[in-house]
Amino acid sequence: MRRVPVESSVIRDVGYDAAKSVLEIGFRNGGVYRYHLVPARVHRELMAAESPGRYLNQEIKPRFPGQEVE
């Protein structure tokens, strides 16, 4: 999945597969996580968030299953 860089102190880049509703987040510490069953709206809101890291912690992690992939 292709990821695009974001302005964040925690998140390095973000990718989204709309067909599978999978959000992939690369972290500055080197980890990569995939979150499943994520609607396109949530991806758009993450990309538009003033603080992507805060949005991830408040809106994504509590609601969507995630797993480390790298």
C-alpha atoms as a PDB file:
ATOM      1  CA  MET A   1       0.000   0.000   0.000  1.00  0.00           C
ATOM      2  CA  ARG A   2       1.333   3.417  -0.926  1.00  0.00           C
ATOM      3  CA  ARG A   3       1.636   5.779   2.025  1.00  0.00           C
ATOM      4  CA  VAL A   4       1.922   9.562   1.861  1.00  0.00           C
ATOM      5  CA  PRO A   5       3.907  11.687   4.322  1.00  0.00           C
ATOM      6  CA  VAL A   6       2.018  13.728   6.935  1.00  0.00           C
ATOM      7  CA  GLU A   7       3.017  16.592   9.208  1.00  0.00           C
ATOM      8  CA  SER A   8       3.126  14.989  12.634  1.00  0.00           C
ATOM      9  CA  SER A   9       5.625  14.468  15.412  1.00  0.00           C
ATOM     10  CA  VAL A  10       4.443  10.855  15.819  1.00  0.00           C
ATOM     11  CA  ILE A  11       3.120   9.688  12.430  1.00  0.00           C
ATOM     12  CA  ARG A  12       5.478   9.475   9.443  1.00  0.00           C
ATOM     13  CA  ASP A  13       3.021   8.509   6.690  1.00  0.00           C
ATOM     14  CA  VAL A  14      -0.493   7.238   6.035  1.00  0.00           C
ATOM     15  CA  GLY A  15      -1.974   4.912   3.429  1.00  0.00           C
ATOM     16  CA  TYR A  16      -5.553   3.844   2.791  1.00  0.00           C
ATOM     17  CA  ASP A  17      -7.079   1.018   0.772  1.00  0.00           C
ATOM     18  CA  ALA A  18     -10.686   2.065   0.141  1.00  0.00           C
ATOM     19  CA  ALA A  19     -11.664  -1.293  -1.370  1.00  0.00           C
ATOM     20  CA  LYS A  20     -10.651  -3.119   1.819  1.00  0.00           C
ATOM     21  CA  SER A  21     -11.290  -0.267   4.299  1.00  0.00           C
ATOM     22  CA  VAL A  22      -7.748  -0.654   5.641  1.00  0.00           C
ATOM     23  CA  LEU A  23      -5.780   2.266   7.062  1.00  0.00           C
ATOM     24  CA  GLU A  24      -2.007   1.859   7.303  1.00  0.00           C
ATOM     25  CA  ILE A  25       0.050   4.183   9.475  1.00  0.00           C
ATOM     26  CA  GLY A  26       3.837   4.417   9.542  1.00  0.00           C
ATOM     27  CA  PHE A  27       5.255   5.860  12.736  1.00  0.00           C
ATOM     28  CA  ARG A  28       8.412   7.905  13.139  1.00  0.00           C
ATOM     29  CA  ASN A  29       9.786   5.228  15.490  1.00  0.00           C
ATOM     30  CA  GLY A  30       9.730   2.774  12.558  1.00  0.00           C
ATOM     31  CA  GLY A  31       6.603   0.764  13.374  1.00  0.00           C
ATOM     32  CA  VAL A  32       3.783   0.239  10.884  1.00  0.00           C
ATOM     33  CA  TYR A  33       0.224  -0.571  11.935  1.00  0.00           C
ATOM     34  CA  ARG A  34      -2.872  -1.524   9.972  1.00  0.00           C
ATOM     35  CA  TYR A  35      -6.350  -0.646  11.176  1.00  0.00           C
ATOM     36  CA  HIS A  36      -9.256  -2.597   9.681  1.00  0.00           C
ATOM     37  CA  LEU A  37     -12.873  -1.631   8.902  1.00  0.00           C
ATOM     38  CA  VAL A  38     -11.967   2.074   8.730  1.00  0.00           C
ATOM     39  CA  PRO A  39     -14.455   4.158   6.705  1.00  0.00           C
ATOM     40  CA  ALA A  40     -13.139   6.565   4.064  1.00  0.00           C
ATOM     41  CA  ARG A  41     -14.543   9.450   6.137  1.00  0.00           C
ATOM     42  CA  VAL A  42     -12.177   8.591   9.002  1.00  0.00           C
ATOM     43  CA  HIS A  43      -9.200   8.539   6.625  1.00  0.00           C
ATOM     44  CA  ARG A  44     -10.187  11.955   5.255  1.00  0.00           C
ATOM     45  CA  GLU A  45     -10.594  13.363   8.759  1.00  0.00           C
ATOM     46  CA  LEU A  46      -7.206  11.984   9.806  1.00  0.00           C
ATOM     47  CA  MET A  47      -5.528  13.596   6.806  1.00  0.00           C
ATOM     48  CA  ALA A  48      -7.229  16.932   7.524  1.00  0.00           C
ATOM     49  CA  ALA A  49      -6.657  16.892  11.285  1.00  0.00           C
ATOM     50  CA  GLU A  50      -4.644  19.665  12.884  1.00  0.00           C
ATOM     51  CA  SER A  51      -2.944  16.946  14.938  1.00  0.00           C
ATOM     52  CA  PRO A  52      -2.975  13.559  13.178  1.00  0.00           C
ATOM     53  CA  GLY A  53      -1.449  11.878  16.242  1.00  0.00           C
ATOM     54  CA  ARG A  54      -4.204  13.156  18.513  1.00  0.00           C
ATOM     55  CA  TYR A  55      -6.883  12.146  15.993  1.00  0.00           C
ATOM     56  CA  LEU A  56      -5.366   8.662  15.812  1.00  0.00           C
ATOM     57  CA  ASN A  57      -5.381   8.279  19.599  1.00  0.00           C
ATOM     58  CA  GLN A  58      -8.868   9.698  20.139  1.00  0.00           C
ATOM     59  CA  GLU A  59     -10.820   8.494  17.108  1.00  0.00           C
ATOM     60  CA  ILE A  60      -9.087   5.492  15.527  1.00  0.00           C
ATOM     61  CA  LYS A  61      -7.331   3.388  18.157  1.00  0.00           C
ATOM     62  CA  PRO A  62     -10.382   3.073  20.447  1.00  0.00           C
ATOM     63  CA  ARG A  63     -12.733   2.078  17.589  1.00  0.00           C
ATOM     64  CA  PHE A  64     -10.846   0.009  15.036  1.00  0.00           C
ATOM     65  CA  PRO A  65      -8.819  -3.175  15.419  1.00  0.00           C
ATOM     66  CA  GLY A  66      -5.138  -2.651  14.659  1.00  0.00           C
ATOM     67  CA  GLN A  67      -2.113  -4.856  14.201  1.00  0.00           C
ATOM     68  CA  GLU A  68       1.582  -4.222  13.765  1.00  0.00           C
ATOM     69  CA  VAL A  69       2.797  -5.299  10.332  1.00  0.00           C
ATOM     70  CA  GLU A  70       6.480  -4.319  10.249  1.00  0.00           C
END
